Structure formats: structure tokens, C-alpha cells
Protein backbone atom coordinates (compact mmCIF):
# COMPACT_ATOMS: atom_id res chain seq x y z
CA GLY A 1 2.15 -0.98 -42.17
CA SER A 2 4.01 -2.26 -39.16
CA HIS A 3 3.04 -0.77 -35.87
CA LEU A 4 4.94 -0.81 -32.62
CA GLU A 5 3.58 -3.35 -30.16
CA LEU A 6 3.59 -2.22 -26.57
CA GLU A 7 5.05 -5.12 -24.70
CA ASP A 8 3.38 -6.24 -21.54
CA MET A 9 5.67 -5.97 -18.54
CA ALA A 10 5.69 -7.59 -15.13
CA PRO A 11 5.17 -5.12 -12.27
CA ARG A 12 8.02 -3.38 -10.57
CA ILE A 13 7.99 -1.10 -7.57
CA VAL A 14 9.33 2.33 -8.51
CA GLN A 15 8.64 4.05 -5.19
CA HIS A 16 9.05 2.10 -1.96
CA PRO A 17 7.31 3.02 1.29
CA MET A 18 9.43 4.53 4.05
CA ASP A 19 9.28 3.99 7.80
CA LEU A 20 6.91 6.47 9.44
CA LEU A 21 6.55 7.71 12.99
CA VAL A 22 3.32 9.62 13.48
CA SER A 23 1.42 10.93 16.45
CA ARG A 24 -1.65 8.91 17.26
CA GLY A 25 -4.68 10.31 15.45
CA ASP A 26 -2.61 12.15 12.84
CA PRO A 27 -2.93 11.36 9.14
CA ALA A 28 -0.27 9.24 7.48
CA THR A 29 0.54 8.10 3.96
CA LEU A 30 2.61 5.06 3.14
CA ARG A 31 3.79 5.69 -0.40
CA CYS A 32 4.03 3.01 -3.02
CA LYS A 33 4.19 3.32 -6.77
CA ALA A 34 4.29 0.42 -9.17
CA GLU A 35 4.69 0.23 -12.92
CA GLY A 36 3.76 -2.52 -15.29
CA ARG A 37 1.64 -3.29 -18.30
CA PRO A 38 -1.19 -3.89 -17.80
CA ALA A 39 -1.18 -1.55 -14.81
CA PRO A 40 -0.69 -3.70 -11.73
CA ALA A 41 -3.24 -4.04 -8.96
CA VAL A 42 -1.75 -2.92 -5.64
CA GLU A 43 -2.49 -4.50 -2.27
CA TRP A 44 -1.04 -3.76 1.13
CA TYR A 45 -0.18 -6.19 3.89
CA ARG A 46 0.45 -5.39 7.54
CA ASP A 47 2.40 -7.96 9.55
CA GLY A 48 1.58 -10.48 6.83
CA GLU A 49 -2.18 -9.84 6.79
CA ARG A 50 -3.98 -8.15 3.94
CA VAL A 51 -4.99 -4.57 4.75
CA GLU A 52 -8.64 -3.82 4.08
CA THR A 53 -9.22 -0.43 2.51
CA THR A 54 -12.39 1.47 1.70
CA ARG A 55 -12.40 -0.45 -1.59
CA GLU A 56 -13.26 -3.70 0.22
CA ASP A 57 -14.93 -2.26 3.29
CA PRO A 58 -16.62 1.16 3.13
CA ARG A 59 -16.25 1.44 6.92
CA SER A 60 -12.47 1.09 6.74
CA HIS A 61 -10.53 4.23 7.60
CA ARG A 62 -7.72 3.29 5.22
CA THR A 63 -7.85 4.40 1.59
CA LEU A 64 -5.89 3.03 -1.33
CA LEU A 65 -4.93 6.07 -3.39
CA PRO A 66 -5.04 5.86 -7.20
CA GLY A 67 -1.25 5.55 -7.49
CA GLY A 68 -1.05 2.73 -4.96
CA SER A 69 -0.17 4.62 -1.78
CA LEU A 70 -2.02 3.81 1.43
CA PHE A 71 -3.61 6.78 3.18
CA PHE A 72 -4.77 6.93 6.81
CA PRO A 73 -6.91 10.04 7.46
CA ARG A 74 -6.17 9.38 11.13
CA THR A 75 -3.98 6.71 12.64
CA LEU A 76 -5.68 4.52 15.19
CA PRO A 77 -4.14 2.78 18.17
CA GLY A 78 -4.49 -0.95 18.63
CA ARG A 79 -6.95 -1.21 21.46
CA ARG A 80 -10.11 -1.61 19.40
CA GLY A 81 -10.45 -3.20 16.02
CA GLN A 82 -7.66 -2.80 13.52
CA PRO A 83 -4.49 -1.23 14.83
CA ASP A 84 -2.44 0.74 12.34
CA GLN A 85 0.96 0.21 13.90
CA GLY A 86 2.96 -2.54 12.25
CA VAL A 87 5.19 -3.50 9.36
CA TYR A 88 3.66 -2.84 5.96
CA VAL A 89 4.52 -4.10 2.53
CA CYS A 90 3.09 -3.09 -0.82
CA VAL A 91 2.44 -5.83 -3.38
CA ALA A 92 1.78 -5.12 -7.07
CA ARG A 93 0.40 -7.84 -9.36
CA ASN A 94 -0.53 -8.36 -12.94
CA TYR A 95 -0.81 -11.52 -15.00
CA LEU A 96 2.95 -11.54 -15.65
CA GLY A 97 4.05 -11.51 -12.04
CA VAL A 98 4.25 -9.96 -8.61
CA ALA A 99 6.50 -7.25 -7.20
CA THR A 100 6.91 -6.64 -3.47
CA SER A 101 8.18 -3.45 -1.89
CA ARG A 102 10.62 -3.15 0.97
CA ASN A 103 9.11 -3.36 4.44
CA ALA A 104 8.07 -0.08 6.03
CA SER A 105 7.13 0.23 9.67
CA LEU A 106 4.38 2.56 10.82
CA GLU A 107 4.81 3.52 14.45
CA LEU A 108 2.50 5.63 16.54
CA ALA A 109 4.20 7.99 18.93
CA GLY A 110 2.97 7.61 22.48
CA GLU A 111 1.74 4.06 22.01
């Protein structure tokens, strides 16, 4: 009996993040959705630096949602610690390759 093999696929971004303008302290979600087989691991970068989420640092205020989107329960200005304003990119990886989203800028109103 022949059975259909599911072919592994390199990741591709199916939903790109959009530029956001939010009021300081408001929640924000940068959306990103990637497909691939095996399911790709998603990371975010801000201005070229990897974004730490609660997955790496329980004290982080940024959460990587199950689908790959990046959620900020409240957006923080840049005076102390990690500012949220910047240019973000979503990167999805599996063993077959890497897919990178379009750039999305997160701006805080009143900054």
C-alpha cells in the first residue's frame, strides 16, 4: 500500500506585520504568521537585535503568541530598559530554510 508522503517545506511568511502607531502604554500586536513543515520557529528582531520575549526572559513584557505574532500588553517608552519603538521583522526558520517578513515600524504616539 502506497501512502502519501507529506513533503517538508521551507518556511514562508503568510501574514506580514504592518506598521503600527500606538499610544504609549497601550497594548499592541505585531502580527506574523508563517507556514512550513516542520512548523517553523518564529523570532522577532527590532532594529536588527533579537527581541526577548517571555519565552526567554519571564520578566519580559513581550509575548510571542502561538501563531508567531508579537504581543505587547503595554508599550513602553525608551527611557529605561528596552524601548518598544523601532523597526521590527519576523523571521521563521526550520531546517530547510529561513523566511523573513517585511519590515514593520512600531511608533509610540507622544514620544
